[in-house]
N, C-alpha and C. Protein backbone atom coordinates (compact mmCIF):
# COMPACT_ATOMS: atom_id res chain seq x y z
N UNK A 1 103.77 -41.45 36.16
CA UNK A 1 105.10 -41.72 36.67
C UNK A 1 105.41 -43.19 36.44
N UNK A 2 106.61 -43.46 35.94
CA UNK A 2 107.04 -44.83 35.72
C UNK A 2 107.17 -45.54 37.06
N UNK A 3 106.74 -46.80 37.09
CA UNK A 3 106.82 -47.52 38.35
C UNK A 3 107.95 -48.54 38.36
N UNK A 4 108.37 -48.97 37.18
CA UNK A 4 109.38 -50.01 37.09
C UNK A 4 110.71 -49.41 36.65
N UNK A 5 111.75 -49.72 37.38
CA UNK A 5 113.10 -49.33 36.99
C UNK A 5 113.93 -50.60 37.03
N UNK A 6 114.36 -51.05 35.86
CA UNK A 6 115.17 -52.26 35.78
C UNK A 6 116.57 -51.97 36.29
N UNK A 7 117.26 -52.99 36.78
CA UNK A 7 118.62 -52.77 37.28
C UNK A 7 119.58 -52.30 36.19
N UNK A 8 120.49 -51.45 36.57
CA UNK A 8 121.54 -51.00 35.67
C UNK A 8 122.61 -52.08 35.62
N UNK A 9 123.10 -52.40 34.44
CA UNK A 9 124.09 -53.46 34.27
C UNK A 9 125.48 -52.98 34.70
N UNK A 10 126.25 -53.90 35.24
CA UNK A 10 127.64 -53.61 35.57
C UNK A 10 127.80 -52.85 36.86
N UNK A 11 129.05 -52.51 37.12
CA UNK A 11 129.36 -51.76 38.34
C UNK A 11 128.97 -50.30 38.19
N UNK A 12 128.83 -49.65 39.31
CA UNK A 12 128.54 -48.22 39.30
C UNK A 12 129.78 -47.44 38.89
N UNK A 13 129.59 -46.28 38.28
CA UNK A 13 130.75 -45.44 37.96
C UNK A 13 131.46 -44.98 39.22
N UNK A 14 132.71 -44.65 39.08
CA UNK A 14 133.46 -44.03 40.17
C UNK A 14 132.99 -42.58 40.27
N UNK A 15 132.66 -42.16 41.48
CA UNK A 15 132.13 -40.82 41.70
C UNK A 15 133.01 -40.09 42.72
N UNK A 16 133.29 -38.82 42.42
CA UNK A 16 134.01 -37.95 43.33
C UNK A 16 133.00 -36.98 43.92
N UNK A 17 132.70 -37.13 45.19
CA UNK A 17 131.64 -36.29 45.78
C UNK A 17 132.10 -34.88 46.13
N UNK A 18 133.30 -34.52 45.76
CA UNK A 18 133.75 -33.15 45.97
C UNK A 18 133.58 -32.29 44.73
N UNK A 19 133.28 -32.92 43.56
CA UNK A 19 133.16 -32.16 42.33
C UNK A 19 134.47 -31.48 41.99
N UNK A 20 134.63 -30.71 40.96
CA UNK A 20 133.59 -30.29 40.04
C UNK A 20 133.15 -31.37 39.06
N UNK A 21 133.90 -32.44 38.92
CA UNK A 21 133.46 -33.57 38.10
C UNK A 21 133.01 -34.66 39.05
N UNK A 22 131.75 -35.06 38.92
CA UNK A 22 131.20 -36.08 39.80
C UNK A 22 131.47 -37.48 39.27
N UNK A 23 131.07 -37.74 38.02
CA UNK A 23 131.20 -39.07 37.44
C UNK A 23 132.55 -39.16 36.74
N UNK A 24 133.44 -40.01 37.26
CA UNK A 24 134.81 -40.06 36.78
C UNK A 24 135.05 -41.06 35.66
N UNK A 25 134.15 -42.01 35.47
CA UNK A 25 134.28 -42.96 34.37
C UNK A 25 132.89 -43.35 33.87
N UNK A 26 132.84 -44.20 32.85
CA UNK A 26 131.58 -44.65 32.25
C UNK A 26 130.73 -43.47 31.78
N UNK A 27 131.36 -42.45 31.28
CA UNK A 27 130.65 -41.24 30.84
C UNK A 27 129.92 -41.47 29.52
N UNK A 28 128.95 -40.62 29.27
CA UNK A 28 128.22 -40.64 28.00
C UNK A 28 129.11 -40.08 26.89
N UNK A 29 128.91 -40.58 25.68
CA UNK A 29 129.56 -39.99 24.52
C UNK A 29 128.85 -38.66 24.22
N UNK A 30 129.49 -37.74 23.51
CA UNK A 30 128.89 -36.42 23.29
C UNK A 30 127.47 -36.44 22.70
N UNK A 31 127.20 -37.30 21.74
CA UNK A 31 125.85 -37.32 21.15
C UNK A 31 124.81 -37.78 22.16
N UNK A 32 125.18 -38.67 23.04
CA UNK A 32 124.25 -39.13 24.08
C UNK A 32 124.04 -38.04 25.11
N UNK A 33 125.10 -37.32 25.46
CA UNK A 33 124.98 -36.20 26.40
C UNK A 33 124.00 -35.17 25.85
N UNK A 34 124.11 -34.86 24.57
CA UNK A 34 123.19 -33.90 23.93
C UNK A 34 121.77 -34.44 23.97
N UNK A 35 121.59 -35.73 23.73
CA UNK A 35 120.25 -36.33 23.75
C UNK A 35 119.63 -36.22 25.15
N UNK A 36 120.44 -36.40 26.18
CA UNK A 36 119.93 -36.24 27.55
C UNK A 36 119.48 -34.79 27.75
N UNK A 37 120.30 -33.84 27.34
CA UNK A 37 119.94 -32.43 27.49
C UNK A 37 118.66 -32.10 26.73
N UNK A 38 118.55 -32.60 25.50
CA UNK A 38 117.35 -32.33 24.71
C UNK A 38 116.10 -32.87 25.40
N UNK A 39 116.19 -34.05 25.98
CA UNK A 39 115.05 -34.64 26.69
C UNK A 39 114.71 -33.83 27.94
N UNK A 40 115.71 -33.40 28.65
CA UNK A 40 115.51 -32.66 29.89
C UNK A 40 114.88 -31.29 29.62
N UNK A 41 115.44 -30.56 28.68
CA UNK A 41 114.91 -29.21 28.40
C UNK A 41 113.62 -29.26 27.60
N UNK A 42 113.27 -30.43 27.08
CA UNK A 42 112.05 -30.58 26.32
C UNK A 42 110.80 -30.79 27.16
N UNK A 43 110.94 -30.86 28.47
CA UNK A 43 109.77 -31.00 29.33
C UNK A 43 109.01 -29.69 29.29
N UNK A 44 107.72 -29.72 28.97
CA UNK A 44 106.95 -28.48 28.93
C UNK A 44 106.96 -27.77 30.28
N UNK A 45 107.08 -26.45 30.24
CA UNK A 45 107.03 -25.65 31.46
C UNK A 45 108.37 -25.21 31.99
N UNK A 46 109.47 -25.62 31.35
CA UNK A 46 110.79 -25.23 31.84
C UNK A 46 111.52 -24.40 30.80
N UNK A 47 112.51 -23.65 31.28
CA UNK A 47 113.42 -22.94 30.40
C UNK A 47 114.83 -23.41 30.71
N UNK A 48 115.72 -23.20 29.78
CA UNK A 48 117.12 -23.57 29.99
C UNK A 48 117.88 -22.38 30.52
N UNK A 49 118.85 -22.65 31.37
CA UNK A 49 119.66 -21.58 31.91
C UNK A 49 120.81 -22.11 32.74
N UNK A 50 121.59 -21.21 33.30
CA UNK A 50 122.71 -21.64 34.13
C UNK A 50 122.21 -22.18 35.47
N UNK A 51 122.90 -23.16 35.98
CA UNK A 51 122.57 -23.73 37.27
C UNK A 51 122.99 -22.77 38.39
N UNK A 52 122.16 -22.69 39.42
CA UNK A 52 122.49 -21.86 40.59
C UNK A 52 123.57 -22.52 41.43
N UNK A 53 123.69 -23.83 41.34
CA UNK A 53 124.61 -24.56 42.21
C UNK A 53 125.53 -25.52 41.46
N UNK A 54 125.25 -25.79 40.20
CA UNK A 54 126.03 -26.76 39.44
C UNK A 54 127.42 -26.26 39.13
N UNK A 55 128.27 -27.19 38.83
CA UNK A 55 129.64 -26.88 38.49
C UNK A 55 129.69 -26.13 37.16
N UNK A 56 130.81 -25.46 36.86
CA UNK A 56 130.94 -24.78 35.57
C UNK A 56 130.64 -25.75 34.43
N UNK A 57 129.87 -25.28 33.46
CA UNK A 57 129.49 -26.11 32.32
C UNK A 57 128.19 -26.86 32.52
N UNK A 58 127.60 -26.77 33.70
CA UNK A 58 126.31 -27.43 33.96
C UNK A 58 125.20 -26.66 33.28
N UNK A 59 124.21 -27.39 32.79
CA UNK A 59 123.03 -26.80 32.17
C UNK A 59 121.82 -27.17 33.01
N UNK A 60 121.04 -26.17 33.37
CA UNK A 60 119.90 -26.39 34.25
C UNK A 60 118.59 -26.17 33.51
N UNK A 61 117.54 -26.85 34.00
CA UNK A 61 116.19 -26.50 33.62
C UNK A 61 115.61 -25.71 34.78
N UNK A 62 114.97 -24.61 34.44
CA UNK A 62 114.50 -23.66 35.43
C UNK A 62 113.03 -23.33 35.22
N UNK A 63 112.39 -22.92 36.31
CA UNK A 63 111.01 -22.44 36.25
C UNK A 63 111.02 -21.06 36.92
N UNK A 64 111.22 -20.00 36.13
CA UNK A 64 111.34 -18.65 36.70
C UNK A 64 110.13 -18.19 37.49
N UNK A 65 108.95 -18.76 37.23
CA UNK A 65 107.75 -18.32 37.95
C UNK A 65 107.69 -18.83 39.38
N UNK A 66 108.57 -19.77 39.74
CA UNK A 66 108.60 -20.30 41.11
C UNK A 66 109.90 -19.89 41.77
N UNK A 67 109.81 -19.02 42.76
CA UNK A 67 111.03 -18.58 43.46
C UNK A 67 111.05 -19.02 44.92
N UNK A 68 110.01 -19.65 45.38
CA UNK A 68 109.97 -20.22 46.73
C UNK A 68 109.51 -21.67 46.61
N UNK A 69 110.39 -22.55 46.10
CA UNK A 69 109.97 -23.93 45.84
C UNK A 69 109.72 -24.74 47.12
N UNK A 70 108.89 -25.76 46.95
CA UNK A 70 108.67 -26.71 48.04
C UNK A 70 110.01 -27.34 48.41
N UNK A 71 110.27 -27.56 49.70
CA UNK A 71 111.53 -28.19 50.10
C UNK A 71 111.73 -29.54 49.41
N UNK A 72 112.94 -29.75 48.94
CA UNK A 72 113.30 -31.02 48.32
C UNK A 72 112.98 -31.13 46.85
N UNK A 73 112.49 -30.04 46.24
CA UNK A 73 112.13 -30.09 44.83
C UNK A 73 113.04 -29.26 43.94
N UNK A 74 114.05 -28.64 44.50
CA UNK A 74 114.89 -27.74 43.73
C UNK A 74 116.32 -27.74 44.26
N UNK A 75 117.25 -27.51 43.35
CA UNK A 75 118.64 -27.36 43.77
C UNK A 75 118.98 -25.92 44.09
N UNK A 76 118.14 -24.99 43.68
CA UNK A 76 118.40 -23.59 44.00
C UNK A 76 117.77 -23.24 45.34
N UNK A 77 118.28 -22.20 45.93
CA UNK A 77 117.75 -21.73 47.21
C UNK A 77 116.59 -20.78 46.94
N UNK A 78 115.82 -20.50 48.00
CA UNK A 78 114.72 -19.56 47.88
C UNK A 78 115.18 -18.24 47.30
N UNK A 79 114.33 -17.60 46.53
CA UNK A 79 114.68 -16.35 45.90
C UNK A 79 115.27 -16.52 44.51
N UNK A 80 115.54 -17.77 44.14
CA UNK A 80 116.04 -18.07 42.80
C UNK A 80 115.02 -18.97 42.11
N UNK A 81 115.01 -19.01 40.77
CA UNK A 81 114.05 -19.86 40.08
C UNK A 81 114.19 -21.34 40.47
N UNK A 82 113.06 -22.02 40.49
CA UNK A 82 113.03 -23.46 40.71
C UNK A 82 113.99 -24.13 39.75
N UNK A 83 114.86 -24.98 40.28
CA UNK A 83 115.84 -25.73 39.47
C UNK A 83 115.71 -27.22 39.83
N UNK A 84 114.81 -27.95 39.16
CA UNK A 84 114.60 -29.34 39.52
C UNK A 84 115.67 -30.30 39.02
N UNK A 85 116.50 -29.87 38.08
CA UNK A 85 117.54 -30.76 37.57
C UNK A 85 118.59 -29.94 36.83
N UNK A 86 119.78 -30.48 36.82
CA UNK A 86 120.81 -29.93 35.94
C UNK A 86 121.71 -31.06 35.46
N UNK A 87 122.19 -30.87 34.24
CA UNK A 87 123.09 -31.82 33.60
C UNK A 87 124.50 -31.27 33.70
N UNK A 88 125.41 -32.10 34.20
CA UNK A 88 126.79 -31.67 34.31
C UNK A 88 127.46 -31.65 32.95
N UNK A 89 128.61 -31.06 32.88
CA UNK A 89 129.32 -30.83 31.62
C UNK A 89 129.65 -32.14 30.90
N UNK A 90 130.06 -32.06 29.62
CA UNK A 90 130.46 -33.26 28.89
C UNK A 90 131.68 -33.97 29.50
N UNK A 91 132.43 -33.28 30.36
CA UNK A 91 133.54 -33.93 31.05
C UNK A 91 133.06 -34.84 32.18
N UNK A 92 131.77 -34.77 32.49
CA UNK A 92 131.18 -35.51 33.60
C UNK A 92 130.02 -36.39 33.11
N UNK A 93 128.98 -35.78 32.60
CA UNK A 93 127.76 -36.36 32.01
C UNK A 93 126.73 -36.87 33.01
N UNK A 94 126.97 -36.78 34.30
CA UNK A 94 125.94 -37.15 35.26
C UNK A 94 124.95 -36.00 35.40
N UNK A 95 123.87 -36.26 36.10
CA UNK A 95 122.84 -35.25 36.34
C UNK A 95 122.55 -35.16 37.82
N UNK A 96 122.09 -34.02 38.24
CA UNK A 96 121.48 -33.88 39.56
C UNK A 96 119.98 -33.81 39.32
N UNK A 97 119.22 -34.68 39.97
CA UNK A 97 117.77 -34.69 39.83
C UNK A 97 117.15 -34.83 41.23
N UNK A 98 115.87 -34.55 41.31
CA UNK A 98 115.11 -34.75 42.55
C UNK A 98 113.95 -35.69 42.26
N UNK A 99 113.67 -36.56 43.19
CA UNK A 99 112.56 -37.51 43.08
C UNK A 99 111.93 -37.70 44.45
N UNK A 100 110.69 -38.18 44.50
CA UNK A 100 110.09 -38.50 45.80
C UNK A 100 110.92 -39.58 46.51
N UNK A 101 110.89 -39.58 47.81
CA UNK A 101 111.73 -40.50 48.60
C UNK A 101 111.57 -41.96 48.20
N UNK A 102 110.35 -42.40 47.92
CA UNK A 102 110.16 -43.81 47.55
C UNK A 102 110.82 -44.12 46.21
N UNK A 103 110.85 -43.16 45.30
CA UNK A 103 111.52 -43.35 44.01
C UNK A 103 113.03 -43.28 44.19
N UNK A 104 113.50 -42.42 45.07
CA UNK A 104 114.93 -42.34 45.36
C UNK A 104 115.45 -43.71 45.76
N UNK A 105 114.76 -44.35 46.70
CA UNK A 105 115.19 -45.66 47.18
C UNK A 105 115.25 -46.69 46.05
N UNK A 106 114.26 -46.70 45.19
CA UNK A 106 114.22 -47.67 44.09
C UNK A 106 115.32 -47.39 43.06
N UNK A 107 115.47 -46.15 42.67
CA UNK A 107 116.46 -45.79 41.66
C UNK A 107 117.88 -46.09 42.16
N UNK A 108 118.14 -45.82 43.42
CA UNK A 108 119.45 -46.13 44.00
C UNK A 108 119.63 -47.65 44.08
N UNK A 109 118.62 -48.36 44.56
CA UNK A 109 118.72 -49.83 44.68
C UNK A 109 118.96 -50.49 43.34
N UNK A 110 118.43 -49.92 42.26
CA UNK A 110 118.61 -50.51 40.93
C UNK A 110 119.91 -50.06 40.26
N UNK A 111 120.71 -49.22 40.95
CA UNK A 111 122.04 -48.87 40.47
C UNK A 111 122.13 -47.71 39.50
N UNK A 112 121.06 -46.93 39.33
CA UNK A 112 121.08 -45.83 38.38
C UNK A 112 121.62 -44.53 38.96
N UNK A 113 121.66 -44.45 40.26
CA UNK A 113 122.05 -43.19 40.90
C UNK A 113 122.57 -43.47 42.30
N UNK A 114 123.13 -42.42 42.88
CA UNK A 114 123.50 -42.45 44.29
C UNK A 114 122.88 -41.22 44.94
N UNK A 115 122.61 -41.29 46.24
CA UNK A 115 122.14 -40.08 46.91
C UNK A 115 123.21 -38.99 46.80
N UNK A 116 122.78 -37.80 46.57
CA UNK A 116 123.73 -36.69 46.49
C UNK A 116 124.38 -36.51 47.86
N UNK A 117 125.71 -36.49 47.93
CA UNK A 117 126.38 -36.31 49.21
C UNK A 117 126.04 -34.99 49.90
N UNK A 118 125.58 -34.02 49.14
CA UNK A 118 125.23 -32.71 49.69
C UNK A 118 123.72 -32.56 49.88
N UNK A 119 123.01 -33.68 49.83
CA UNK A 119 121.54 -33.65 49.93
C UNK A 119 121.10 -33.09 51.28
N UNK A 120 120.05 -32.32 51.22
CA UNK A 120 119.46 -31.75 52.42
C UNK A 120 118.15 -32.46 52.77
N UNK A 121 117.41 -32.89 51.75
CA UNK A 121 116.07 -33.45 51.95
C UNK A 121 115.97 -34.94 51.66
N UNK A 122 117.01 -35.54 51.10
CA UNK A 122 116.96 -36.96 50.74
C UNK A 122 116.33 -37.22 49.39
N UNK A 123 115.86 -36.17 48.73
CA UNK A 123 115.25 -36.30 47.41
C UNK A 123 116.26 -36.08 46.29
N UNK A 124 117.44 -35.60 46.63
CA UNK A 124 118.45 -35.22 45.66
C UNK A 124 119.33 -36.41 45.28
N UNK A 125 119.51 -36.61 43.99
CA UNK A 125 120.30 -37.73 43.48
C UNK A 125 121.35 -37.27 42.48
N UNK A 126 122.40 -38.08 42.36
CA UNK A 126 123.31 -37.99 41.23
C UNK A 126 122.94 -39.16 40.33
N UNK A 127 122.36 -38.85 39.18
CA UNK A 127 121.95 -39.85 38.20
C UNK A 127 123.09 -40.03 37.21
N UNK A 128 123.52 -41.27 37.01
CA UNK A 128 124.66 -41.54 36.15
C UNK A 128 124.31 -41.28 34.69
N UNK A 129 125.29 -40.75 33.95
CA UNK A 129 125.11 -40.55 32.51
C UNK A 129 124.97 -41.89 31.80
N UNK A 130 124.12 -41.96 30.78
CA UNK A 130 123.91 -43.22 30.07
C UNK A 130 125.10 -43.61 29.20
N UNK A 131 125.36 -44.92 29.14
CA UNK A 131 126.48 -45.45 28.35
C UNK A 131 126.06 -45.92 26.97
N UNK A 132 124.77 -46.16 26.76
CA UNK A 132 124.30 -46.66 25.48
C UNK A 132 122.83 -46.27 25.28
N UNK A 133 122.26 -46.68 24.15
CA UNK A 133 120.88 -46.31 23.82
C UNK A 133 119.86 -46.82 24.84
N UNK A 134 120.05 -48.05 25.31
CA UNK A 134 119.11 -48.59 26.30
C UNK A 134 119.15 -47.78 27.59
N UNK A 135 120.33 -47.42 28.04
CA UNK A 135 120.46 -46.60 29.24
C UNK A 135 119.95 -45.18 29.00
N UNK A 136 120.12 -44.69 27.78
CA UNK A 136 119.62 -43.36 27.44
C UNK A 136 118.11 -43.30 27.69
N UNK A 137 117.41 -44.33 27.31
CA UNK A 137 115.96 -44.37 27.51
C UNK A 137 115.59 -44.29 28.99
N UNK A 138 116.30 -45.04 29.83
CA UNK A 138 116.01 -45.05 31.27
C UNK A 138 116.39 -43.71 31.90
N UNK A 139 117.57 -43.21 31.59
CA UNK A 139 118.06 -41.97 32.19
C UNK A 139 117.17 -40.79 31.79
N UNK A 140 116.81 -40.71 30.52
CA UNK A 140 115.96 -39.59 30.12
C UNK A 140 114.57 -39.70 30.74
N UNK A 141 114.06 -40.91 30.88
CA UNK A 141 112.75 -41.08 31.53
C UNK A 141 112.82 -40.64 32.99
N UNK A 142 113.88 -41.01 33.69
CA UNK A 142 114.02 -40.59 35.09
C UNK A 142 114.22 -39.08 35.22
N UNK A 143 115.00 -38.51 34.32
CA UNK A 143 115.24 -37.06 34.36
C UNK A 143 113.94 -36.30 34.11
N UNK A 144 113.17 -36.74 33.14
CA UNK A 144 111.89 -36.09 32.85
C UNK A 144 110.90 -36.30 34.00
N UNK A 145 110.91 -37.49 34.58
CA UNK A 145 110.05 -37.75 35.75
C UNK A 145 110.39 -36.80 36.88
N UNK A 146 111.67 -36.57 37.09
CA UNK A 146 112.13 -35.66 38.12
C UNK A 146 111.56 -34.26 37.92
N UNK A 147 111.70 -33.76 36.73
CA UNK A 147 111.23 -32.41 36.44
C UNK A 147 109.72 -32.33 36.58
N UNK A 148 109.00 -33.30 36.02
CA UNK A 148 107.53 -33.28 36.12
C UNK A 148 107.08 -33.36 37.57
N UNK A 149 107.75 -34.18 38.39
CA UNK A 149 107.39 -34.29 39.81
C UNK A 149 107.60 -32.95 40.52
N UNK A 150 108.73 -32.34 40.26
CA UNK A 150 109.02 -31.05 40.88
C UNK A 150 108.01 -29.99 40.46
N UNK A 151 107.68 -29.96 39.19
CA UNK A 151 106.68 -29.01 38.71
C UNK A 151 105.35 -29.24 39.43
N UNK A 152 104.92 -30.48 39.50
CA UNK A 152 103.64 -30.80 40.14
C UNK A 152 103.66 -30.43 41.62
N UNK A 153 104.73 -30.73 42.32
CA UNK A 153 104.84 -30.41 43.75
C UNK A 153 104.79 -28.90 44.00
N UNK A 154 105.18 -28.13 43.01
CA UNK A 154 105.18 -26.68 43.14
C UNK A 154 103.97 -26.03 42.47
N UNK A 155 103.01 -26.86 42.10
CA UNK A 155 101.78 -26.34 41.51
C UNK A 155 101.94 -25.79 40.10
N UNK A 156 103.02 -26.18 39.44
CA UNK A 156 103.27 -25.72 38.08
C UNK A 156 103.03 -26.87 37.13
N UNK A 157 102.08 -26.68 36.28
CA UNK A 157 101.86 -27.64 35.20
C UNK A 157 101.63 -26.85 33.93
N UNK A 158 101.65 -27.53 32.83
CA UNK A 158 101.57 -26.84 31.56
C UNK A 158 100.52 -27.48 30.67
N UNK A 159 100.04 -26.72 29.75
CA UNK A 159 99.09 -27.22 28.77
C UNK A 159 99.84 -27.80 27.59
N UNK A 160 99.35 -28.93 27.09
CA UNK A 160 99.78 -29.41 25.79
C UNK A 160 99.06 -28.58 24.76
N UNK A 161 99.37 -28.74 23.49
CA UNK A 161 98.72 -27.95 22.44
C UNK A 161 97.20 -28.07 22.51
N UNK A 162 96.71 -29.27 22.73
CA UNK A 162 95.27 -29.47 22.78
C UNK A 162 94.66 -28.69 23.95
N UNK A 163 95.31 -28.71 25.11
CA UNK A 163 94.80 -28.01 26.27
C UNK A 163 94.74 -26.50 26.06
N UNK A 164 95.73 -25.93 25.38
CA UNK A 164 95.73 -24.50 25.13
C UNK A 164 94.56 -24.14 24.24
N UNK A 165 94.35 -24.90 23.19
CA UNK A 165 93.24 -24.63 22.28
C UNK A 165 91.91 -24.73 23.01
N UNK A 166 91.75 -25.75 23.84
CA UNK A 166 90.50 -25.91 24.59
C UNK A 166 90.30 -24.74 25.55
N UNK A 167 91.35 -24.27 26.20
CA UNK A 167 91.24 -23.15 27.12
C UNK A 167 90.87 -21.88 26.36
N UNK A 168 91.47 -21.67 25.21
CA UNK A 168 91.15 -20.49 24.41
C UNK A 168 89.68 -20.49 24.02
N UNK A 169 89.16 -21.64 23.64
CA UNK A 169 87.74 -21.73 23.29
C UNK A 169 86.87 -21.40 24.49
N UNK A 170 87.22 -21.94 25.66
CA UNK A 170 86.43 -21.68 26.87
C UNK A 170 86.47 -20.20 27.23
N UNK A 171 87.64 -19.56 27.11
CA UNK A 171 87.74 -18.15 27.52
C UNK A 171 86.94 -17.25 26.59
N UNK A 172 86.83 -17.61 25.32
CA UNK A 172 86.02 -16.80 24.42
C UNK A 172 84.54 -17.01 24.67
N UNK A 173 84.17 -18.07 25.39
CA UNK A 173 82.77 -18.34 25.70
C UNK A 173 82.39 -17.79 27.07
N UNK A 174 83.25 -16.94 27.66
CA UNK A 174 82.92 -16.33 28.94
C UNK A 174 83.59 -16.95 30.14
N UNK A 175 84.36 -18.03 29.97
CA UNK A 175 85.08 -18.64 31.08
C UNK A 175 86.30 -17.78 31.39
N UNK A 176 86.89 -17.91 32.60
CA UNK A 176 88.07 -17.12 32.94
C UNK A 176 89.22 -17.40 31.96
N UNK A 177 89.96 -16.38 31.64
CA UNK A 177 91.07 -16.49 30.71
C UNK A 177 92.32 -16.99 31.42
N UNK A 178 93.06 -17.86 30.75
CA UNK A 178 94.32 -18.35 31.29
C UNK A 178 95.33 -17.22 31.37
N UNK A 179 95.32 -16.33 30.40
CA UNK A 179 96.29 -15.24 30.37
C UNK A 179 96.20 -14.35 31.59
N UNK A 180 95.02 -14.26 32.20
CA UNK A 180 94.87 -13.41 33.36
C UNK A 180 95.08 -14.11 34.67
N UNK A 181 95.41 -15.38 34.64
CA UNK A 181 95.58 -16.13 35.89
C UNK A 181 96.77 -15.61 36.67
N UNK A 182 96.64 -15.53 37.99
CA UNK A 182 97.71 -15.02 38.84
C UNK A 182 98.77 -16.07 39.12
N UNK A 183 98.41 -17.33 39.03
CA UNK A 183 99.37 -18.40 39.32
C UNK A 183 99.42 -19.36 38.14
N UNK A 184 100.43 -20.23 38.08
CA UNK A 184 100.53 -21.17 36.98
C UNK A 184 99.26 -22.00 36.84
N UNK A 185 98.97 -22.39 35.63
CA UNK A 185 97.74 -23.09 35.31
C UNK A 185 97.95 -24.59 35.37
N UNK A 186 96.96 -25.31 35.87
CA UNK A 186 97.04 -26.75 36.00
C UNK A 186 96.53 -27.41 34.72
N UNK A 187 97.28 -28.35 34.22
CA UNK A 187 96.87 -29.13 33.05
C UNK A 187 97.67 -30.41 32.99
N UNK A 188 97.94 -30.91 31.81
CA UNK A 188 98.60 -32.20 31.67
C UNK A 188 100.08 -32.13 31.96
N UNK A 189 100.63 -33.25 32.40
CA UNK A 189 102.07 -33.37 32.61
C UNK A 189 102.67 -34.35 31.64
N UNK A 190 101.95 -34.81 30.65
CA UNK A 190 102.46 -35.78 29.70
C UNK A 190 103.60 -35.18 28.91
N UNK A 191 104.56 -36.04 28.56
CA UNK A 191 105.63 -35.56 27.71
C UNK A 191 106.91 -35.67 28.37
């Protein structure tokens, strides 16, 4: 997990906490919005799908194997797949993410996000869409951190290519097979 978050330059975007558009100015250009989505959905262990709570046009990352998430780690309610983050439409470009409380305080203090006005646990944030390449790096790192934290808190981790190969070798040597595991398998969170 990244420990340093540099301050965001300039004033914060104007935000409408009633939605459906949260971030009213300083939005990402379309190519940057796509880059944020690619980084978010590229976290191992998630699938892309519609948000359970996001405004029309929102894209969510979901973990269908988790339907009773730990409190504060998902935007969806129990009985629906874990939804640790969603990206709002190109008309908005902000994201909803979850982070541990100590990270929430830092990210807000450095100007990258505001607490979600509809937050229940204090872990929910509105992360501003990036305005340039430097901000894209910070925003995508925070979005990916959010998803990895939520996965870890819910006991969901994924194997990188190397981990899968190593597990396959172990299972052919008489070790328990990953394919037969009843719950998600623990491995690396890198990426």
